[in-house]
Amino acid sequence: MDRKRLSEREVLSHYERHGGPLTTYAWSFGLDFALAQDAVEQVFLKLLSGEHSSLELSAGYLYRAVRNTCLNRRRDTVREVPLESRANWLVHPGGDREAEFALQGALAVLPEQQREVVIMRLWDGMSLEEVAAGTATSVNTAAPRYRYALQKLRVAFRARESREGKANG
């Protein structure tokens, strides 16, 4: 079978569609925002090198590639001491900075496997089948991870609303 190489335009189109959600996903592996961006860019630079065909490229493939890049980066930098950062990489549509940081904090405390599923589903709109492909698991594994993560996020935000209600009441 003849494999058609990806054109620069195809790679750019995939970057425009998935770049933001992939960066959020990369952050979920404990990388700071700049390193997360670097990991995503590294994946897309490899795509530009012409080693991949359009038949191989899917959202699942991109997420697996970013995941592997992040895990390699994390493994390589295990002895480095991270600097605390209140960098904000989530953007609330209404500009609510507190909500942005609250969501970022809630995502940070989720187990990694649950966090990655939430990011894939909510930020990139992937189906559970695509999430399963991207995480190299089955749908029967991805679905409960997503459900448990949403439950934990609901609990976290209910507690936050309760605290805010008491503070304002």
N, C-alpha and C. Protein backbone atom coordinates (compact mmCIF):
# COMPACT_ATOMS: atom_id res chain seq x y z
N MET A 1 0.84 -1.18 0.00
CA MET A 1 0.00 0.00 0.00
C MET A 1 0.89 1.24 0.00
N ASP A 2 0.57 2.18 -0.85
CA ASP A 2 1.33 3.42 -0.98
C ASP A 2 0.93 4.37 0.15
N ARG A 3 1.91 4.79 0.94
CA ARG A 3 1.65 5.68 2.07
C ARG A 3 1.92 7.12 1.67
N LYS A 4 0.90 7.95 1.79
CA LYS A 4 1.02 9.36 1.45
C LYS A 4 1.64 10.11 2.62
N ARG A 5 2.73 10.81 2.37
CA ARG A 5 3.40 11.60 3.42
C ARG A 5 2.54 12.78 3.80
N LEU A 6 2.66 13.20 5.05
CA LEU A 6 1.92 14.37 5.52
C LEU A 6 2.52 15.64 4.94
N SER A 7 1.67 16.50 4.47
CA SER A 7 2.14 17.80 3.97
C SER A 7 2.26 18.75 5.16
N GLU A 8 2.98 19.85 4.96
CA GLU A 8 3.09 20.87 6.01
C GLU A 8 1.71 21.38 6.38
N ARG A 9 0.85 21.53 5.40
CA ARG A 9 -0.51 22.03 5.65
C ARG A 9 -1.31 21.06 6.52
N GLU A 10 -1.16 19.75 6.26
CA GLU A 10 -1.86 18.76 7.07
C GLU A 10 -1.37 18.79 8.52
N VAL A 11 -0.06 18.90 8.68
CA VAL A 11 0.51 18.96 10.03
C VAL A 11 0.02 20.23 10.74
N LEU A 12 0.03 21.36 10.05
CA LEU A 12 -0.45 22.61 10.63
C LEU A 12 -1.92 22.51 11.01
N SER A 13 -2.70 21.89 10.17
CA SER A 13 -4.13 21.71 10.46
C SER A 13 -4.33 20.89 11.73
N HIS A 14 -3.57 19.83 11.89
CA HIS A 14 -3.66 19.02 13.11
C HIS A 14 -3.17 19.80 14.32
N TYR A 15 -2.15 20.61 14.13
CA TYR A 15 -1.65 21.43 15.24
C TYR A 15 -2.69 22.45 15.66
N GLU A 16 -3.32 23.09 14.70
CA GLU A 16 -4.36 24.08 15.02
C GLU A 16 -5.53 23.43 15.73
N ARG A 17 -5.87 22.22 15.36
CA ARG A 17 -7.01 21.51 15.96
C ARG A 17 -6.68 20.96 17.33
N HIS A 18 -5.50 20.39 17.49
CA HIS A 18 -5.17 19.65 18.71
C HIS A 18 -4.08 20.27 19.58
N GLY A 19 -3.39 21.29 19.10
CA GLY A 19 -2.25 21.84 19.83
C GLY A 19 -2.57 22.30 21.24
N GLY A 20 -3.64 23.07 21.40
CA GLY A 20 -4.02 23.56 22.73
C GLY A 20 -4.38 22.44 23.69
N PRO A 21 -5.30 21.56 23.30
CA PRO A 21 -5.63 20.44 24.19
C PRO A 21 -4.44 19.53 24.47
N LEU A 22 -3.58 19.33 23.49
CA LEU A 22 -2.40 18.49 23.72
C LEU A 22 -1.45 19.14 24.72
N THR A 23 -1.35 20.47 24.69
CA THR A 23 -0.49 21.16 25.65
C THR A 23 -1.06 21.01 27.06
N THR A 24 -2.36 21.13 27.19
CA THR A 24 -3.00 20.92 28.49
C THR A 24 -2.76 19.49 28.96
N TYR A 25 -2.88 18.56 28.04
CA TYR A 25 -2.63 17.15 28.35
C TYR A 25 -1.18 16.95 28.80
N ALA A 26 -0.24 17.57 28.10
CA ALA A 26 1.18 17.45 28.46
C ALA A 26 1.42 18.01 29.86
N TRP A 27 0.76 19.12 30.17
CA TRP A 27 0.90 19.71 31.51
C TRP A 27 0.46 18.71 32.57
N SER A 28 -0.54 17.90 32.26
CA SER A 28 -1.08 16.97 33.25
C SER A 28 -0.06 15.94 33.70
N PHE A 29 1.05 15.83 33.02
CA PHE A 29 2.11 14.91 33.41
C PHE A 29 3.13 15.56 34.34
N GLY A 30 2.79 16.74 34.84
CA GLY A 30 3.65 17.40 35.81
C GLY A 30 4.70 18.32 35.21
N LEU A 31 4.60 18.56 33.92
CA LEU A 31 5.53 19.49 33.29
C LEU A 31 5.01 20.92 33.47
N ASP A 32 5.92 21.88 33.57
CA ASP A 32 5.43 23.25 33.59
C ASP A 32 4.95 23.60 32.18
N PHE A 33 4.28 24.73 32.07
CA PHE A 33 3.62 25.06 30.81
C PHE A 33 4.60 25.13 29.64
N ALA A 34 5.78 25.72 29.85
CA ALA A 34 6.75 25.84 28.77
C ALA A 34 7.24 24.47 28.31
N LEU A 35 7.50 23.57 29.25
CA LEU A 35 7.94 22.22 28.88
C LEU A 35 6.82 21.44 28.21
N ALA A 36 5.59 21.69 28.63
CA ALA A 36 4.44 21.04 27.98
C ALA A 36 4.35 21.49 26.52
N GLN A 37 4.50 22.79 26.30
CA GLN A 37 4.49 23.30 24.92
C GLN A 37 5.62 22.69 24.12
N ASP A 38 6.80 22.60 24.71
CA ASP A 38 7.95 22.00 24.02
C ASP A 38 7.67 20.55 23.63
N ALA A 39 7.04 19.80 24.52
CA ALA A 39 6.74 18.40 24.24
C ALA A 39 5.81 18.27 23.04
N VAL A 40 4.78 19.12 23.00
CA VAL A 40 3.84 19.09 21.87
C VAL A 40 4.55 19.50 20.58
N GLU A 41 5.32 20.55 20.66
CA GLU A 41 6.05 21.00 19.47
C GLU A 41 7.02 19.95 18.97
N GLN A 42 7.64 19.22 19.89
CA GLN A 42 8.56 18.15 19.49
C GLN A 42 7.82 17.09 18.68
N VAL A 43 6.63 16.74 19.10
CA VAL A 43 5.83 15.74 18.37
C VAL A 43 5.51 16.25 16.96
N PHE A 44 5.09 17.51 16.86
CA PHE A 44 4.73 18.05 15.55
C PHE A 44 5.96 18.25 14.66
N LEU A 45 7.10 18.54 15.24
CA LEU A 45 8.33 18.64 14.43
C LEU A 45 8.68 17.29 13.83
N LYS A 46 8.45 16.22 14.59
CA LYS A 46 8.69 14.88 14.05
C LYS A 46 7.74 14.59 12.89
N LEU A 47 6.50 15.07 13.02
CA LEU A 47 5.55 14.87 11.92
C LEU A 47 6.01 15.62 10.67
N LEU A 48 6.57 16.80 10.87
CA LEU A 48 7.06 17.58 9.73
C LEU A 48 8.27 16.94 9.05
N SER A 49 8.96 16.08 9.79
CA SER A 49 10.16 15.45 9.22
C SER A 49 9.83 14.49 8.09
N GLY A 50 8.55 14.14 7.95
CA GLY A 50 8.14 13.28 6.85
C GLY A 50 8.23 11.80 7.13
N GLU A 51 8.42 11.43 8.38
CA GLU A 51 8.53 10.01 8.73
C GLU A 51 7.18 9.33 8.89
N HIS A 52 6.12 10.10 8.91
CA HIS A 52 4.79 9.54 9.14
C HIS A 52 3.90 9.78 7.94
N SER A 53 2.93 8.88 7.78
CA SER A 53 1.98 9.04 6.69
C SER A 53 0.64 9.52 7.24
N SER A 54 -0.18 10.01 6.35
CA SER A 54 -1.50 10.49 6.76
C SER A 54 -2.36 9.33 7.27
N LEU A 55 -2.05 8.11 6.88
CA LEU A 55 -2.80 6.95 7.35
C LEU A 55 -2.56 6.69 8.83
N GLU A 56 -1.39 7.07 9.35
CA GLU A 56 -1.04 6.82 10.74
C GLU A 56 -1.57 7.89 11.69
N LEU A 57 -1.91 9.04 11.19
CA LEU A 57 -2.21 10.18 12.04
C LEU A 57 -3.67 10.21 12.48
N SER A 58 -3.85 10.17 13.78
CA SER A 58 -5.18 10.30 14.38
C SER A 58 -4.98 11.04 15.69
N ALA A 59 -6.08 11.47 16.30
CA ALA A 59 -5.98 12.13 17.60
C ALA A 59 -5.35 11.17 18.62
N GLY A 60 -5.74 9.91 18.56
CA GLY A 60 -5.17 8.92 19.47
C GLY A 60 -3.66 8.81 19.32
N TYR A 61 -3.21 8.81 18.08
CA TYR A 61 -1.77 8.76 17.84
C TYR A 61 -1.07 9.97 18.44
N LEU A 62 -1.63 11.18 18.23
CA LEU A 62 -1.03 12.39 18.76
C LEU A 62 -0.93 12.35 20.29
N TYR A 63 -2.00 11.90 20.93
CA TYR A 63 -1.98 11.82 22.39
C TYR A 63 -0.97 10.79 22.88
N ARG A 64 -0.86 9.66 22.23
CA ARG A 64 0.15 8.67 22.62
C ARG A 64 1.55 9.24 22.45
N ALA A 65 1.78 9.94 21.34
CA ALA A 65 3.09 10.51 21.09
C ALA A 65 3.45 11.57 22.14
N VAL A 66 2.49 12.43 22.48
CA VAL A 66 2.73 13.45 23.50
C VAL A 66 2.95 12.78 24.85
N ARG A 67 2.16 11.78 25.15
CA ARG A 67 2.30 11.05 26.42
C ARG A 67 3.71 10.47 26.54
N ASN A 68 4.14 9.79 25.49
CA ASN A 68 5.48 9.19 25.51
C ASN A 68 6.57 10.25 25.65
N THR A 69 6.41 11.35 24.95
CA THR A 69 7.38 12.45 25.04
C THR A 69 7.43 12.99 26.46
N CYS A 70 6.27 13.18 27.08
CA CYS A 70 6.22 13.70 28.45
C CYS A 70 6.82 12.73 29.46
N LEU A 71 6.49 11.46 29.31
CA LEU A 71 7.05 10.47 30.23
C LEU A 71 8.57 10.39 30.09
N ASN A 72 9.06 10.49 28.87
CA ASN A 72 10.51 10.50 28.66
C ASN A 72 11.13 11.75 29.28
N ARG A 73 10.49 12.90 29.09
CA ARG A 73 11.00 14.15 29.66
C ARG A 73 11.00 14.07 31.18
N ARG A 74 9.91 13.56 31.74
CA ARG A 74 9.82 13.45 33.20
C ARG A 74 10.89 12.49 33.73
N ARG A 75 11.09 11.39 33.05
CA ARG A 75 12.12 10.43 33.46
C ARG A 75 13.51 11.06 33.39
N ASP A 76 13.75 11.84 32.35
CA ASP A 76 15.06 12.45 32.16
C ASP A 76 15.33 13.57 33.17
N THR A 77 14.27 14.16 33.72
CA THR A 77 14.46 15.30 34.62
C THR A 77 14.05 14.99 36.06
N VAL A 78 14.04 13.71 36.42
CA VAL A 78 13.56 13.29 37.73
C VAL A 78 14.36 13.93 38.87
N ARG A 79 15.58 14.28 38.66
CA ARG A 79 16.40 14.85 39.73
C ARG A 79 16.35 16.38 39.78
N GLU A 80 15.70 16.98 38.81
CA GLU A 80 15.58 18.43 38.83
C GLU A 80 14.55 18.86 39.85
N VAL A 81 14.76 20.02 40.44
CA VAL A 81 13.82 20.54 41.43
C VAL A 81 12.89 21.53 40.73
N PRO A 82 11.58 21.21 40.71
CA PRO A 82 10.66 22.13 40.03
C PRO A 82 10.43 23.40 40.85
N LEU A 83 10.24 24.50 40.16
CA LEU A 83 9.90 25.75 40.80
C LEU A 83 8.39 25.85 40.89
N GLU A 84 7.89 26.31 42.02
CA GLU A 84 6.45 26.50 42.15
C GLU A 84 6.02 27.59 41.19
N SER A 85 4.91 27.36 40.55
CA SER A 85 4.43 28.32 39.58
C SER A 85 2.93 28.45 39.68
N ARG A 86 2.46 29.67 39.62
CA ARG A 86 1.02 29.91 39.53
C ARG A 86 0.70 30.27 38.09
N ALA A 87 1.50 29.74 37.18
CA ALA A 87 1.25 30.01 35.77
C ALA A 87 -0.15 29.55 35.43
N ASN A 88 -0.84 30.35 34.71
CA ASN A 88 -2.21 30.04 34.35
C ASN A 88 -2.26 29.69 32.87
N TRP A 89 -2.66 28.48 32.57
CA TRP A 89 -2.74 28.06 31.18
C TRP A 89 -4.16 27.67 30.80
N LEU A 90 -5.08 27.67 31.76
CA LEU A 90 -6.49 27.47 31.45
C LEU A 90 -7.13 28.85 31.34
N VAL A 91 -8.03 29.01 30.42
CA VAL A 91 -8.66 30.31 30.23
C VAL A 91 -10.17 30.17 30.41
N HIS A 92 -10.71 30.88 31.37
CA HIS A 92 -12.14 30.89 31.61
C HIS A 92 -12.78 31.83 30.60
N PRO A 93 -13.86 31.40 29.94
CA PRO A 93 -14.47 32.25 28.90
C PRO A 93 -14.92 33.61 29.42
N GLY A 94 -15.28 33.67 30.71
CA GLY A 94 -15.73 34.95 31.29
C GLY A 94 -14.60 35.70 31.97
N GLY A 95 -13.38 35.17 31.92
CA GLY A 95 -12.23 35.84 32.51
C GLY A 95 -12.12 35.66 34.02
N ASP A 96 -12.79 34.66 34.59
CA ASP A 96 -12.76 34.42 36.03
C ASP A 96 -11.46 33.71 36.39
N ARG A 97 -10.47 34.48 36.84
CA ARG A 97 -9.14 33.94 37.15
C ARG A 97 -9.20 32.95 38.32
N GLU A 98 -10.04 33.22 39.31
CA GLU A 98 -10.15 32.30 40.44
C GLU A 98 -10.67 30.94 39.98
N ALA A 99 -11.65 30.95 39.09
CA ALA A 99 -12.17 29.68 38.57
C ALA A 99 -11.10 28.95 37.77
N GLU A 100 -10.28 29.69 37.02
CA GLU A 100 -9.20 29.08 36.25
C GLU A 100 -8.23 28.35 37.18
N PHE A 101 -7.79 29.05 38.23
CA PHE A 101 -6.84 28.44 39.16
C PHE A 101 -7.48 27.30 39.94
N ALA A 102 -8.77 27.43 40.27
CA ALA A 102 -9.46 26.36 40.99
C ALA A 102 -9.51 25.09 40.14
N LEU A 103 -9.85 25.24 38.87
CA LEU A 103 -9.91 24.07 37.99
C LEU A 103 -8.52 23.49 37.79
N GLN A 104 -7.55 24.34 37.59
CA GLN A 104 -6.18 23.88 37.42
C GLN A 104 -5.74 23.09 38.66
N GLY A 105 -6.06 23.60 39.85
CA GLY A 105 -5.70 22.91 41.08
C GLY A 105 -6.44 21.59 41.23
N ALA A 106 -7.74 21.59 40.88
CA ALA A 106 -8.52 20.35 40.98
C ALA A 106 -8.00 19.29 40.02
N LEU A 107 -7.62 19.71 38.82
CA LEU A 107 -7.05 18.75 37.86
C LEU A 107 -5.71 18.21 38.36
N ALA A 108 -4.94 19.07 39.00
CA ALA A 108 -3.60 18.67 39.45
C ALA A 108 -3.65 17.57 40.50
N VAL A 109 -4.71 17.50 41.30
CA VAL A 109 -4.77 16.49 42.34
C VAL A 109 -5.42 15.19 41.88
N LEU A 110 -5.99 15.19 40.69
CA LEU A 110 -6.54 13.93 40.16
C LEU A 110 -5.41 12.96 39.86
N PRO A 111 -5.65 11.67 40.00
CA PRO A 111 -4.65 10.70 39.56
C PRO A 111 -4.36 10.92 38.07
N GLU A 112 -3.15 10.73 37.69
CA GLU A 112 -2.70 11.01 36.32
C GLU A 112 -3.58 10.35 35.27
N GLN A 113 -3.96 9.10 35.48
CA GLN A 113 -4.75 8.38 34.49
C GLN A 113 -6.15 8.98 34.34
N GLN A 114 -6.71 9.50 35.41
CA GLN A 114 -8.02 10.15 35.33
C GLN A 114 -7.88 11.54 34.69
N ARG A 115 -6.84 12.26 35.06
CA ARG A 115 -6.62 13.60 34.52
C ARG A 115 -6.46 13.57 33.00
N GLU A 116 -5.71 12.60 32.49
CA GLU A 116 -5.48 12.56 31.05
C GLU A 116 -6.77 12.28 30.29
N VAL A 117 -7.63 11.44 30.85
CA VAL A 117 -8.90 11.13 30.19
C VAL A 117 -9.81 12.36 30.17
N VAL A 118 -9.87 13.09 31.28
CA VAL A 118 -10.70 14.30 31.34
C VAL A 118 -10.21 15.33 30.32
N ILE A 119 -8.93 15.51 30.24
CA ILE A 119 -8.39 16.50 29.30
C ILE A 119 -8.71 16.10 27.87
N MET A 120 -8.53 14.84 27.54
CA MET A 120 -8.83 14.39 26.18
C MET A 120 -10.31 14.57 25.84
N ARG A 121 -11.18 14.21 26.78
CA ARG A 121 -12.63 14.29 26.52
C ARG A 121 -13.12 15.73 26.50
N LEU A 122 -12.75 16.53 27.49
CA LEU A 122 -13.32 17.86 27.62
C LEU A 122 -12.61 18.92 26.80
N TRP A 123 -11.30 18.85 26.68
CA TRP A 123 -10.59 19.90 25.95
C TRP A 123 -10.50 19.61 24.46
N ASP A 124 -10.50 18.35 24.10
CA ASP A 124 -10.37 18.03 22.68
C ASP A 124 -11.61 17.35 22.14
N GLY A 125 -12.59 17.09 23.00
CA GLY A 125 -13.85 16.51 22.54
C GLY A 125 -13.72 15.12 21.97
N MET A 126 -12.74 14.36 22.43
CA MET A 126 -12.53 13.02 21.90
C MET A 126 -13.59 12.07 22.43
N SER A 127 -13.94 11.10 21.62
CA SER A 127 -14.87 10.05 22.06
C SER A 127 -14.12 9.12 23.01
N LEU A 128 -14.86 8.30 23.74
CA LEU A 128 -14.20 7.34 24.63
C LEU A 128 -13.35 6.35 23.84
N GLU A 129 -13.78 6.03 22.62
CA GLU A 129 -12.98 5.13 21.78
C GLU A 129 -11.65 5.79 21.42
N GLU A 130 -11.68 7.08 21.10
CA GLU A 130 -10.44 7.80 20.78
C GLU A 130 -9.56 7.94 22.01
N VAL A 131 -10.17 8.20 23.16
CA VAL A 131 -9.41 8.29 24.41
C VAL A 131 -8.74 6.95 24.70
N ALA A 132 -9.48 5.87 24.53
CA ALA A 132 -8.90 4.53 24.76
C ALA A 132 -7.70 4.30 23.85
N ALA A 133 -7.84 4.69 22.59
CA ALA A 133 -6.71 4.53 21.66
C ALA A 133 -5.53 5.40 22.08
N GLY A 134 -5.83 6.62 22.52
CA GLY A 134 -4.76 7.55 22.92
C GLY A 134 -4.04 7.13 24.18
N THR A 135 -4.72 6.39 25.04
CA THR A 135 -4.10 5.95 26.30
C THR A 135 -3.69 4.48 26.26
N ALA A 136 -3.87 3.86 25.11
CA ALA A 136 -3.52 2.44 24.92
C ALA A 136 -4.24 1.57 25.96
N THR A 137 -5.54 1.87 26.17
CA THR A 137 -6.38 1.08 27.07
C THR A 137 -7.65 0.71 26.32
N SER A 138 -8.53 0.03 27.01
CA SER A 138 -9.83 -0.30 26.41
C SER A 138 -10.84 0.77 26.79
N VAL A 139 -11.95 0.79 26.08
CA VAL A 139 -13.04 1.70 26.43
C VAL A 139 -13.54 1.37 27.84
N ASN A 140 -13.54 0.09 28.19
CA ASN A 140 -13.99 -0.34 29.52
C ASN A 140 -13.06 0.15 30.63
N THR A 141 -11.86 0.57 30.30
CA THR A 141 -10.95 1.16 31.27
C THR A 141 -11.08 2.68 31.24
N ALA A 142 -11.16 3.26 30.06
CA ALA A 142 -11.23 4.72 29.93
C ALA A 142 -12.52 5.29 30.52
N ALA A 143 -13.64 4.62 30.30
CA ALA A 143 -14.93 5.14 30.75
C ALA A 143 -15.00 5.32 32.27
N PRO A 144 -14.62 4.31 33.08
CA PRO A 144 -14.66 4.52 34.53
C PRO A 144 -13.67 5.59 35.00
N ARG A 145 -12.51 5.67 34.36
CA ARG A 145 -11.55 6.72 34.73
C ARG A 145 -12.18 8.09 34.54
N TYR A 146 -12.87 8.26 33.44
CA TYR A 146 -13.54 9.53 33.15
C TYR A 146 -14.64 9.80 34.18
N ARG A 147 -15.44 8.79 34.44
CA ARG A 147 -16.55 8.93 35.39
C ARG A 147 -16.03 9.27 36.79
N TYR A 148 -15.00 8.55 37.26
CA TYR A 148 -14.45 8.82 38.60
C TYR A 148 -13.83 10.21 38.66
N ALA A 149 -13.16 10.62 37.60
CA ALA A 149 -12.56 11.95 37.59
C ALA A 149 -13.63 13.03 37.68
N LEU A 150 -14.71 12.88 36.92
CA LEU A 150 -15.79 13.87 36.99
C LEU A 150 -16.41 13.91 38.38
N GLN A 151 -16.57 12.74 39.01
CA GLN A 151 -17.11 12.71 40.37
C GLN A 151 -16.20 13.49 41.32
N LYS A 152 -14.91 13.27 41.22
CA LYS A 152 -13.96 13.97 42.09
C LYS A 152 -13.96 15.47 41.83
N LEU A 153 -14.06 15.86 40.57
CA LEU A 153 -14.11 17.29 40.25
C LEU A 153 -15.39 17.92 40.79
N ARG A 154 -16.51 17.21 40.67
CA ARG A 154 -17.78 17.73 41.22
C ARG A 154 -17.67 17.94 42.73
N VAL A 155 -17.10 16.97 43.44
CA VAL A 155 -16.94 17.08 44.89
C VAL A 155 -16.04 18.27 45.22
N ALA A 156 -14.95 18.42 44.49
CA ALA A 156 -14.03 19.53 44.74
C ALA A 156 -14.72 20.87 44.54
N PHE A 157 -15.52 20.98 43.50
CA PHE A 157 -16.17 22.26 43.23
C PHE A 157 -17.36 22.52 44.14
N ARG A 158 -18.03 21.47 44.57
CA ARG A 158 -19.10 21.67 45.57
C ARG A 158 -18.50 22.18 46.87
N ALA A 159 -17.38 21.61 47.26
CA ALA A 159 -16.71 22.06 48.49
C ALA A 159 -16.26 23.51 48.34
N ARG A 160 -15.76 23.86 47.18
CA ARG A 160 -15.33 25.24 46.92
C ARG A 160 -16.53 26.19 47.00
N GLU A 161 -17.63 25.80 46.36
CA GLU A 161 -18.84 26.65 46.40
C GLU A 161 -19.35 26.80 47.82
N SER A 162 -19.27 25.73 48.60
CA SER A 162 -19.72 25.78 49.98
C SER A 162 -18.86 26.74 50.80
N ARG A 163 -17.54 26.66 50.60
CA ARG A 163 -16.61 27.56 51.31
C ARG A 163 -16.88 29.00 50.92
N GLU A 164 -17.09 29.24 49.61
CA GLU A 164 -17.34 30.61 49.15
C GLU A 164 -18.68 31.13 49.69
N GLY A 165 -19.68 30.24 49.76
CA GLY A 165 -20.97 30.64 50.28
C GLY A 165 -20.88 31.03 51.75
N LYS A 166 -20.11 30.28 52.53
CA LYS A 166 -19.93 30.61 53.94
C LYS A 166 -19.15 31.89 54.10
N ALA A 167 -18.16 32.11 53.23
CA ALA A 167 -17.35 33.33 53.32
C ALA A 167 -18.17 34.57 52.95
N ASN A 168 -19.10 34.41 52.02
CA ASN A 168 -19.90 35.54 51.57
C ASN A 168 -21.18 35.70 52.38
N GLY A 169 -21.54 34.66 53.16
CA GLY A 169 -22.82 34.67 53.87
C GLY A 169 -22.75 35.19 55.23
